[in-house]
Protein backbone atom coordinates (compact mmCIF):
# COMPACT_ATOMS: atom_id res chain seq x y z
CA MET A 1 -3.49 132.20 239.05
CA GLU A 2 -5.21 129.41 237.11
CA GLU A 3 -4.98 129.44 233.33
CA ALA A 4 -8.17 130.34 231.49
CA GLU A 5 -10.06 127.40 230.06
CA THR A 6 -9.33 126.92 226.37
CA MET A 7 -12.35 127.77 224.25
CA ALA A 8 -13.65 124.95 222.06
CA GLN A 9 -13.24 125.28 218.32
CA ARG A 10 -16.74 125.33 216.89
CA ILE A 11 -18.20 124.72 213.46
CA LEU A 12 -21.92 125.27 212.85
CA ILE A 13 -23.49 123.72 209.74
CA LYS A 14 -26.72 125.61 209.12
CA ASP A 15 -30.07 124.61 207.63
CA ALA A 16 -29.01 121.35 206.00
CA ILE A 17 -30.96 118.24 205.10
CA VAL A 18 -29.50 115.82 207.68
CA LEU A 19 -29.43 112.07 206.99
CA SER A 20 -28.18 111.10 210.43
CA GLN A 21 -28.17 107.26 210.28
CA ASP A 22 -29.14 107.51 213.95
CA GLU A 23 -32.59 105.99 214.52
CA SER A 24 -33.31 108.36 217.39
CA ILE A 25 -32.64 111.40 215.18
CA GLY A 26 -33.74 110.16 211.78
CA GLU A 27 -33.84 112.22 208.60
CA LEU A 28 -34.28 115.94 209.21
CA PRO A 29 -35.44 118.16 206.33
CA ARG A 30 -33.84 121.26 207.89
CA ALA A 31 -31.44 121.18 210.81
CA ASP A 32 -28.15 122.48 212.15
CA ILE A 33 -25.13 120.49 213.31
CA LEU A 34 -22.78 121.91 215.92
CA VAL A 35 -19.23 120.58 216.03
CA GLU A 36 -17.09 121.32 219.06
CA ASP A 37 -13.43 120.40 218.65
CA ASP A 38 -13.46 116.84 217.30
CA ARG A 39 -17.03 115.86 218.24
CA ILE A 40 -20.62 116.40 217.25
CA ALA A 41 -22.17 118.46 220.05
CA GLN A 42 -25.75 119.08 218.93
CA VAL A 43 -28.11 118.26 216.06
CA GLY A 44 -31.41 120.07 215.56
CA PRO A 45 -33.15 123.04 214.00
CA ASP A 46 -32.27 126.66 214.77
CA LEU A 47 -29.35 126.08 217.14
CA ALA A 48 -28.28 129.30 218.88
CA VAL A 49 -24.48 129.24 218.95
CA ALA A 50 -21.95 132.01 219.41
CA ASP A 51 -18.31 132.07 218.32
CA ALA A 52 -18.62 129.38 215.65
CA GLN A 53 -17.39 129.10 212.10
CA VAL A 54 -20.65 128.95 210.15
CA ILE A 55 -21.11 126.81 207.05
CA GLU A 56 -24.29 127.76 205.25
CA ALA A 57 -25.79 124.55 203.88
CA ALA A 58 -29.41 125.44 203.12
CA GLY A 59 -30.83 122.75 200.86
CA ASP A 60 -27.62 120.73 200.88
CA ILE A 61 -27.42 117.21 202.33
CA VAL A 62 -25.21 116.22 205.25
CA ILE A 63 -24.32 112.57 205.74
CA PRO A 64 -21.87 110.75 208.01
CA GLY A 65 -18.58 110.28 206.21
CA PHE A 66 -18.40 107.24 203.97
CA ILE A 67 -16.45 104.21 205.25
CA ASP A 68 -14.33 102.23 202.77
CA THR A 69 -14.01 98.85 204.50
CA HIS A 70 -11.29 97.28 202.33
CA ARG A 71 -8.79 98.91 199.97
CA HIS A 72 -5.31 97.91 198.85
CA THR A 73 -4.19 101.51 198.95
CA TRP A 74 -0.58 100.75 197.98
CA GLU A 75 -1.82 99.98 194.46
CA THR A 76 -2.84 103.61 193.85
CA SER A 77 0.51 104.18 192.09
CA ILE A 78 -0.53 101.76 189.34
CA ARG A 79 -4.11 102.95 188.95
CA THR A 80 -5.91 101.75 185.77
CA CYS A 81 -3.13 99.36 184.74
CA ALA A 82 -5.55 96.41 184.70
CA PRO A 83 -9.03 97.39 183.46
CA ASP A 84 -9.75 94.02 181.84
CA TYR A 85 -8.12 91.69 184.37
CA THR A 86 -9.85 88.77 185.99
CA LEU A 87 -8.90 87.92 189.56
CA GLY A 88 -6.52 85.24 188.34
CA ALA A 89 -4.73 87.69 186.07
CA TYR A 90 -4.53 90.15 188.96
CA PHE A 91 -2.71 87.61 191.12
CA GLY A 92 -0.20 86.90 188.39
CA ALA A 93 0.46 90.45 187.26
CA ILE A 94 -0.16 92.80 190.20
CA LEU A 95 0.92 90.59 193.11
CA ASP A 96 3.68 88.65 191.37
CA GLN A 97 5.06 91.31 189.01
CA PHE A 98 4.44 94.75 190.47
CA ALA A 99 4.37 94.10 194.22
CA PRO A 100 7.90 92.67 194.57
CA LYS A 101 9.27 95.79 192.88
CA TYR A 102 7.67 98.22 195.33
CA GLN A 103 10.10 100.22 197.46
CA PRO A 104 9.06 102.01 200.68
CA ASP A 105 8.88 105.33 198.80
CA ASP A 106 6.35 103.79 196.41
CA VAL A 107 4.21 102.63 199.31
CA TYR A 108 4.32 106.06 200.94
CA ALA A 109 3.40 107.86 197.72
CA ALA A 110 0.54 105.48 196.95
CA ASN A 111 -0.93 105.52 200.46
CA GLN A 112 -0.77 109.29 200.71
CA TRP A 113 -2.34 109.82 197.29
CA GLY A 114 -4.94 107.12 197.86
CA ALA A 115 -5.94 108.59 201.21
CA LEU A 116 -6.26 112.06 199.66
CA GLU A 117 -8.43 110.49 196.98
CA CYS A 118 -10.63 109.08 199.73
CA VAL A 119 -11.05 112.46 201.42
CA ASN A 120 -11.91 114.09 198.10
CA ALA A 121 -14.65 111.47 197.57
CA GLY A 122 -16.18 111.93 201.03
CA ILE A 123 -14.59 108.83 202.53
CA THR A 124 -13.64 109.80 206.07
CA THR A 125 -12.55 106.32 207.22
CA LEU A 126 -10.38 103.92 205.23
CA VAL A 127 -9.58 100.32 206.07
CA ASP A 128 -6.21 99.95 204.37
CA TRP A 129 -5.65 96.24 203.63
CA SER A 130 -1.89 96.50 203.42
CA HIS A 131 -0.38 93.32 201.99
CA ILE A 132 2.84 95.06 201.00
CA MET A 133 4.87 94.48 204.20
CA ASN A 134 7.91 93.48 202.15
CA THR A 135 10.29 95.01 204.73
CA PRO A 136 9.89 96.92 208.01
CA ASP A 137 10.51 100.13 206.05
CA HIS A 138 7.53 99.28 203.82
CA ALA A 139 5.35 99.03 206.93
CA ASP A 140 6.54 102.37 208.30
CA ALA A 141 6.00 104.06 204.94
CA ALA A 142 2.46 102.70 204.67
CA VAL A 143 1.48 104.06 208.09
CA LYS A 144 3.11 107.43 207.44
CA GLY A 145 1.38 107.80 204.06
CA LEU A 146 -2.00 107.53 205.76
CA ALA A 147 -1.08 109.59 208.81
CA ASP A 148 0.18 112.53 206.78
CA THR A 149 -3.29 113.10 205.30
CA GLY A 150 -5.32 113.19 208.52
CA ILE A 151 -7.81 110.57 207.39
CA ARG A 152 -9.39 108.25 209.95
CA SER A 153 -8.06 104.81 209.15
CA VAL A 154 -7.79 101.21 210.21
CA PHE A 155 -4.36 100.00 209.16
CA ALA A 156 -4.79 96.32 208.37
CA PHE A 157 -1.23 95.05 208.76
CA GLY A 158 -0.59 92.24 206.35
CA PHE A 159 2.22 90.22 204.84
CA PRO A 160 4.80 90.62 202.09
CA ASN A 161 4.01 90.14 198.43
CA THR A 162 7.44 89.18 197.19
CA SER A 163 6.39 85.92 195.54
CA ILE A 164 2.94 84.63 194.68
CA GLN A 165 4.10 81.06 195.27
CA ALA A 166 5.56 81.83 198.69
CA TRP A 167 2.71 83.94 200.02
CA TRP A 168 -0.47 82.66 198.36
CA PHE A 169 -0.40 79.23 196.82
CA GLY A 170 2.60 77.47 198.29
CA PRO A 171 4.35 74.32 197.06
CA ASP A 172 2.16 72.52 194.56
CA TYR A 173 -0.72 74.85 195.49
CA ALA A 174 -1.22 73.09 198.80
CA GLY A 175 -1.10 76.29 200.86
CA SER A 176 1.60 78.67 201.96
CA VAL A 177 3.86 77.92 204.92
CA GLU A 178 4.96 81.56 205.20
CA ARG A 179 3.74 83.48 208.25
CA ILE A 180 3.04 87.13 208.93
CA ASP A 181 6.01 88.69 210.73
CA GLY A 182 4.72 88.67 214.29
CA ASP A 183 7.61 90.69 215.69
CA LEU A 184 7.08 93.42 213.10
CA ALA A 185 3.35 93.43 213.81
CA ARG A 186 4.04 93.82 217.52
CA ARG A 187 6.45 96.69 216.88
CA VAL A 188 4.01 98.49 214.56
CA LYS A 189 1.21 98.09 217.10
CA SER A 190 3.36 99.40 219.94
CA GLN A 191 4.88 102.26 217.97
CA TYR A 192 1.86 103.60 216.10
CA PHE A 193 -1.30 102.14 217.62
CA SER A 194 -0.78 101.98 221.38
CA SER A 195 -4.23 103.58 221.79
CA ASP A 196 -7.30 101.76 220.49
CA ASP A 197 -9.34 104.96 220.15
CA GLY A 198 -7.00 107.14 218.09
CA LEU A 199 -7.55 108.54 214.62
CA MET A 200 -5.66 105.50 213.33
CA THR A 201 -6.18 101.99 214.66
CA MET A 202 -4.92 98.56 213.63
CA ALA A 203 -6.28 95.27 212.33
CA LEU A 204 -4.66 92.14 210.90
CA ALA A 205 -4.96 91.35 207.17
CA THR A 206 -4.62 87.58 206.80
CA ARG A 207 -4.94 85.01 204.01
CA GLY A 208 -6.75 82.25 205.86
CA THR A 209 -7.69 78.71 204.94
CA ASN A 210 -7.27 77.50 201.35
CA PHE A 211 -4.29 79.85 200.95
CA CYS A 212 -2.25 78.76 204.00
CA LYS A 213 -1.40 75.61 205.88
CA PRO A 214 -3.61 75.16 208.97
CA GLU A 215 -0.73 75.83 211.33
CA VAL A 216 -0.11 79.20 209.60
CA VAL A 217 -3.77 80.13 209.90
CA GLN A 218 -3.73 79.18 213.58
CA TYR A 219 -0.60 81.28 214.20
CA GLU A 220 -1.96 84.39 212.50
CA TRP A 221 -5.36 84.23 214.21
CA GLU A 222 -3.66 83.81 217.58
CA LEU A 223 -1.38 86.76 216.76
CA ALA A 224 -4.45 88.95 216.24
CA ARG A 225 -5.89 87.79 219.56
CA GLU A 226 -2.58 88.54 221.31
CA LEU A 227 -2.51 92.06 219.85
CA GLY A 228 -6.18 92.64 220.65
CA ILE A 229 -7.10 93.55 217.08
CA ASP A 230 -9.71 92.37 214.60
CA ILE A 231 -9.04 90.13 211.60
CA THR A 232 -9.96 90.93 208.01
CA VAL A 233 -9.71 88.11 205.45
CA HIS A 234 -10.74 87.34 201.85
CA VAL A 235 -13.11 84.38 201.53
CA ALA A 236 -15.24 82.62 198.93
CA MET A 237 -14.31 84.56 195.82
CA ASP A 238 -13.80 83.30 192.28
CA ARG A 239 -12.39 79.80 191.80
CA PHE A 240 -9.99 80.33 194.70
CA GLY A 241 -12.91 80.30 197.12
CA TYR A 242 -15.83 78.75 195.28
CA THR A 243 -17.33 75.93 197.37
CA LYS A 244 -14.02 75.59 199.25
CA GLY A 245 -15.56 75.67 202.72
CA MET A 246 -13.26 78.37 204.05
CA LEU A 247 -15.60 79.23 206.92
CA THR A 248 -16.25 75.64 207.89
CA ALA A 249 -12.49 75.11 207.92
CA LEU A 250 -12.11 78.05 210.32
CA ARG A 251 -14.86 76.55 212.47
CA ASP A 252 -13.01 73.24 212.58
CA LEU A 253 -9.90 75.13 213.76
CA ASP A 254 -11.99 76.96 216.39
CA LEU A 255 -11.05 80.31 214.80
CA LEU A 256 -14.41 81.99 214.22
CA TYR A 257 -13.55 85.13 216.18
CA PRO A 258 -16.17 87.86 216.75
CA GLY A 259 -15.53 91.05 214.83
CA THR A 260 -13.87 89.25 211.91
CA THR A 261 -14.49 90.82 208.49
CA TYR A 262 -15.09 88.34 205.67
CA ILE A 263 -14.26 90.11 202.41
CA HIS A 264 -16.25 89.31 199.25
CA SER A 265 -18.06 86.21 200.62
CA CYS A 266 -19.49 85.64 197.15
CA HIS A 267 -19.81 81.87 197.39
CA LEU A 268 -20.49 81.12 201.05
CA SER A 269 -22.86 78.22 201.66
CA ASP A 270 -25.97 78.70 203.80
CA GLU A 271 -24.16 76.87 206.59
CA GLU A 272 -21.25 79.28 206.34
CA TRP A 273 -23.52 82.33 206.34
CA GLN A 274 -24.98 81.08 209.60
CA LEU A 275 -21.45 80.72 210.97
CA VAL A 276 -20.74 84.35 210.14
CA LYS A 277 -23.89 85.45 211.94
CA ASP A 278 -23.52 83.21 214.98
CA SER A 279 -19.86 84.14 215.50
CA GLY A 280 -20.46 87.90 215.37
CA GLY A 281 -18.71 88.38 212.04
CA ASN A 282 -19.41 90.89 209.30
CA VAL A 283 -18.84 91.21 205.55
CA SER A 284 -17.13 93.71 203.26
CA LEU A 285 -18.39 93.75 199.69
CA ALA A 286 -16.66 95.33 196.67
CA PRO A 287 -19.50 95.07 194.15
CA GLN A 288 -17.91 96.81 191.18
CA ILE A 289 -14.72 94.75 191.42
CA GLU A 290 -16.56 91.51 192.26
CA HIS A 291 -18.68 91.78 189.14
CA GLN A 292 -15.96 93.09 186.88
CA MET A 293 -13.17 90.69 187.86
CA GLY A 294 -15.24 87.54 188.31
CA HIS A 295 -15.28 87.10 192.09
CA GLY A 296 -19.03 86.48 192.01
CA TRP A 297 -22.13 88.46 193.00
CA ALA A 298 -21.97 90.90 195.92
CA PRO A 299 -24.29 89.14 198.40
CA GLY A 300 -25.66 92.16 200.24
CA GLN A 301 -29.23 90.87 200.29
CA LYS A 302 -28.19 87.60 201.91
CA ALA A 303 -26.18 89.33 204.64
CA GLU A 304 -28.96 91.84 205.27
CA SER A 305 -31.54 89.08 205.64
CA LEU A 306 -29.44 87.55 208.42
CA GLY A 307 -28.74 90.83 210.19
CA ILE A 308 -25.03 90.69 209.36
CA PRO A 309 -23.38 94.13 209.07
CA VAL A 310 -22.41 94.99 205.48
CA GLY A 311 -19.63 97.36 204.53
CA LEU A 312 -18.76 98.55 201.03
CA SER A 313 -15.28 98.50 199.58
CA SER A 314 -13.40 99.80 196.56
CA ASP A 315 -10.76 97.03 196.73
CA VAL A 316 -8.29 97.87 193.92
CA ALA A 317 -7.63 101.06 191.98
CA THR A 318 -5.97 99.00 189.26
CA THR A 319 -9.31 98.07 187.77
CA ALA A 320 -12.21 100.36 188.75
CA SER A 321 -13.20 103.63 190.41
CA SER A 322 -12.32 103.90 194.09
CA ASP A 323 -15.29 105.69 195.63
CA GLN A 324 -18.48 104.82 197.48
CA PHE A 325 -20.81 106.25 194.84
CA THR A 326 -19.54 103.60 192.43
CA GLN A 327 -20.06 100.87 195.01
CA MET A 328 -23.56 102.04 195.96
CA HIS A 329 -24.64 102.16 192.33
CA ALA A 330 -23.19 98.71 191.63
CA VAL A 331 -24.69 96.90 194.61
CA LEU A 332 -28.13 98.53 194.36
CA ALA A 333 -28.43 97.57 190.71
CA SER A 334 -26.94 94.09 190.93
CA GLU A 335 -28.78 92.89 194.02
CA ARG A 336 -32.13 94.14 192.73
CA ALA A 337 -31.43 92.54 189.34
CA ARG A 338 -30.68 89.21 190.98
CA ARG A 339 -33.90 89.29 193.02
CA HIS A 340 -35.92 90.17 189.93
CA GLN A 341 -34.45 87.21 188.06
CA VAL A 342 -35.26 84.81 190.90
CA ALA A 343 -38.80 86.17 191.13
CA TRP A 344 -39.35 85.87 187.39
CA ASP A 345 -38.05 82.31 187.36
CA GLU A 346 -40.35 81.35 190.24
CA ASP A 347 -43.45 83.24 189.05
CA LEU A 348 -44.10 82.02 185.54
CA ASP A 349 -47.43 83.82 185.16
CA GLY A 350 -45.69 87.13 185.86
CA ASN A 351 -48.40 88.51 188.16
CA SER A 352 -46.52 88.81 191.46
CA PRO A 353 -44.25 91.73 192.40
CA THR A 354 -40.62 90.98 193.23
CA PRO A 355 -40.21 90.46 196.99
CA ASP A 356 -37.24 91.34 199.21
CA LEU A 357 -35.70 94.07 197.08
CA ILE A 358 -32.96 96.04 198.80
CA THR A 359 -33.52 99.79 199.07
CA SER A 360 -31.48 102.94 198.67
CA ARG A 361 -31.72 103.54 202.42
CA GLN A 362 -30.19 100.17 203.19
CA VAL A 363 -27.37 100.89 200.76
CA LEU A 364 -26.61 104.29 202.33
CA ARG A 365 -26.50 102.58 205.72
CA TRP A 366 -24.02 100.03 204.36
CA ALA A 367 -21.81 102.87 203.10
CA THR A 368 -21.86 104.69 206.46
CA LEU A 369 -23.07 103.20 209.75
CA ASP A 370 -22.75 99.53 208.81
CA GLY A 371 -19.36 100.29 207.33
CA ALA A 372 -18.30 101.69 210.70
CA LYS A 373 -19.51 98.47 212.34
CA VAL A 374 -17.42 96.45 209.91
CA ALA A 375 -14.38 98.63 210.65
CA GLY A 376 -14.99 98.15 214.38
CA ILE A 377 -15.39 101.86 215.11
CA ASP A 378 -19.14 102.46 215.15
CA ASP A 379 -18.81 103.67 218.74
CA ARG A 380 -17.13 106.80 217.38
CA THR A 381 -18.28 107.32 213.79
CA GLY A 382 -20.77 106.21 211.13
CA SER A 383 -23.74 108.34 212.25
CA ILE A 384 -24.47 111.96 213.03
CA THR A 385 -24.91 111.43 216.74
CA PRO A 386 -24.02 113.89 219.52
CA GLY A 387 -20.91 112.62 221.25
CA LYS A 388 -19.52 110.82 218.21
CA LYS A 389 -16.55 112.11 216.26
CA ALA A 390 -17.28 114.84 213.75
CA ASP A 391 -16.81 112.92 210.48
CA LEU A 392 -19.21 114.68 208.14
CA VAL A 393 -19.79 115.20 204.42
CA ILE A 394 -21.86 117.92 202.78
CA ILE A 395 -23.33 117.07 199.38
CA ASP A 396 -24.00 120.02 197.06
CA THR A 397 -27.57 119.65 195.81
CA SER A 398 -27.51 122.61 193.43
CA ALA A 399 -25.41 120.74 190.88
CA VAL A 400 -26.94 119.87 187.53
CA ASN A 401 -26.76 116.11 188.21
CA VAL A 402 -28.46 116.32 191.62
CA ALA A 403 -31.05 119.13 191.51
CA PRO A 404 -33.96 119.08 191.98
CA VAL A 405 -34.06 116.91 195.10
CA ILE A 406 -37.22 115.02 195.99
CA ASP A 407 -35.89 112.13 198.10
CA PRO A 408 -32.53 113.15 199.63
CA VAL A 409 -31.39 109.56 200.15
CA ALA A 410 -31.98 108.86 196.47
CA ALA A 411 -30.06 112.03 195.68
CA VAL A 412 -27.01 110.63 197.47
CA VAL A 413 -27.28 106.98 196.45
CA CYS A 414 -28.64 107.24 192.92
CA ALA A 415 -27.69 110.67 191.55
CA ALA A 416 -24.63 112.19 193.25
CA ASP A 417 -20.97 111.54 192.48
CA ILE A 418 -17.58 112.75 193.68
CA SER A 419 -18.05 116.14 192.03
CA ASN A 420 -20.92 116.86 194.45
CA VAL A 421 -18.80 116.37 197.60
CA ASP A 422 -18.57 119.99 198.71
CA THR A 423 -17.24 119.73 202.28
CA VAL A 424 -15.47 116.98 204.21
CA ILE A 425 -14.82 117.16 207.96
CA ILE A 426 -12.75 114.49 209.73
CA ASP A 427 -12.30 114.51 213.48
CA GLY A 428 -13.62 118.07 213.53
CA VAL A 429 -11.09 119.33 210.97
CA ILE A 430 -12.18 120.66 207.57
CA HIS A 431 -10.30 118.79 204.84
CA LYS A 432 -12.38 119.85 201.84
CA GLN A 433 -14.50 122.95 201.40
CA GLY A 434 -16.18 124.55 198.44
CA GLY A 435 -15.45 121.42 196.43
CA LYS A 436 -11.66 121.71 196.88
CA LEU A 437 -9.26 119.83 199.10
CA VAL A 438 -7.49 121.94 201.69
CA ALA A 439 -4.25 119.97 201.24
CA ASP A 440 -1.69 121.11 198.68
CA LEU A 441 -1.57 118.30 196.12
CA THR A 442 1.58 119.40 194.31
CA ARG A 443 4.15 117.29 196.12
CA PRO A 444 1.91 114.22 196.66
CA ARG A 445 1.11 114.22 192.93
CA GLU A 446 4.79 114.46 192.02
CA LEU A 447 5.59 111.51 194.28
CA VAL A 448 2.87 109.24 192.94
CA LEU A 449 3.69 110.05 189.30
CA ALA A 450 7.35 109.30 189.92
CA SER A 451 6.36 106.05 191.60
CA ARG A 452 4.19 105.08 188.63
CA ASP A 453 7.06 105.73 186.23
CA ARG A 454 9.54 103.67 188.26
CA LEU A 455 7.19 100.72 188.61
CA VAL A 456 5.83 100.63 185.07
CA ALA A 457 9.36 100.80 183.66
CA GLN A 458 10.17 97.50 185.39
CA VAL A 459 7.37 95.33 183.98
CA GLU A 460 6.39 94.18 180.52
CA PRO A 461 4.25 96.90 178.86
CA GLN A 462 0.63 96.00 178.19
CA ALA A 463 -1.56 97.04 175.27
CA GLY A 464 -3.04 100.47 175.86
CA TRP A 465 -0.43 101.68 178.33
CA LEU A 466 1.12 105.08 177.75
CA PRO A 467 4.89 105.09 177.31
CA VAL A 468 6.83 105.97 180.45
CA SER A 469 8.00 109.57 180.19
């Protein structure tokens, strides 16, 4: 006798305001979303569904889960240690003082806590830029920390940070000769990421030109091609990248691979922007960090004008808030302010309106669908589309900082914050409901606090730090 077919697990979100990010569906003022197992099955008003767990969401807003396209999650253990640092100070203190002292347990604790933080903030996909591969055990701990939370993630395998001279600036600042451990990368790919469509996938986090000798750059780019994974690389930020021609150098090496993510990109030349577009690249912007630490302006308007996908990033927890609301606020304000200034400087009589202002709808797209494009997974997430994975966030609109809602996109981009993230679903599984994470935080919190204490005890105390207990 044949076994009975297993019934799908169903979740029905009822009567929500749906901001689908799917052009064929659009923005729906009242609609239902049916989730079957790990996928979105239907979207529309008044769906008739039996045997489903019903989430009443009348008047609330449903969006695709946010995508954080670049975060050094291992630094969660030392959150807020560097509020006033410039990028140069960050290199000297975080990467040359803290990073060499990290043990695998510290990496696990930080990645687990950082991923839980993401889920709490409505981030359903995290690109973890993991430049803490100090030993093979560090790599395993980083992957496990993410996996144990159930978040969708792109694990961007990087390099050790055991010495700033060895891994960033090299002898006499002429570029590092140290290479990513190719054998370890191959083992990690084979062991954890044999499938390219799993909940967790892999990328390669590289340093690139200006930080490495050309032969190192060539080796690491070819390693990514061998493994069949995308590259994610910092370019054109602060004095380390200002007018350095990092993209033209990659062109000269014939290394402008499609799908490459160029992080920050604050000081790319017009020629280099065209190289990003023509090569099928994309950009990840961390506006709060870029402004605060001196990388430069977050060039969302420039990328948008060229049709280059833009993702938003929280970058480092050492210095600013790690959520997409912060990034949306920062980039919307800064890019509009920059355009206003240009318009005022060009229009001395003050009679013409400012052209080419970015909008809240563009910014929400950057935080969701475009972010999925940057992460290389827009075929499965980033929009509320039947057939895609069920990565969904419900925003509570009854809260005092959101109600009353007139424009729901403005409610998400301009008014809401983490406290309004009521429900988070990843891969069809509810991870947050009623404003509370499903996961028990007791043990993860103990681990990350212990990690903080171990690490802080090993470096020179800074003004404002609490004493280690």
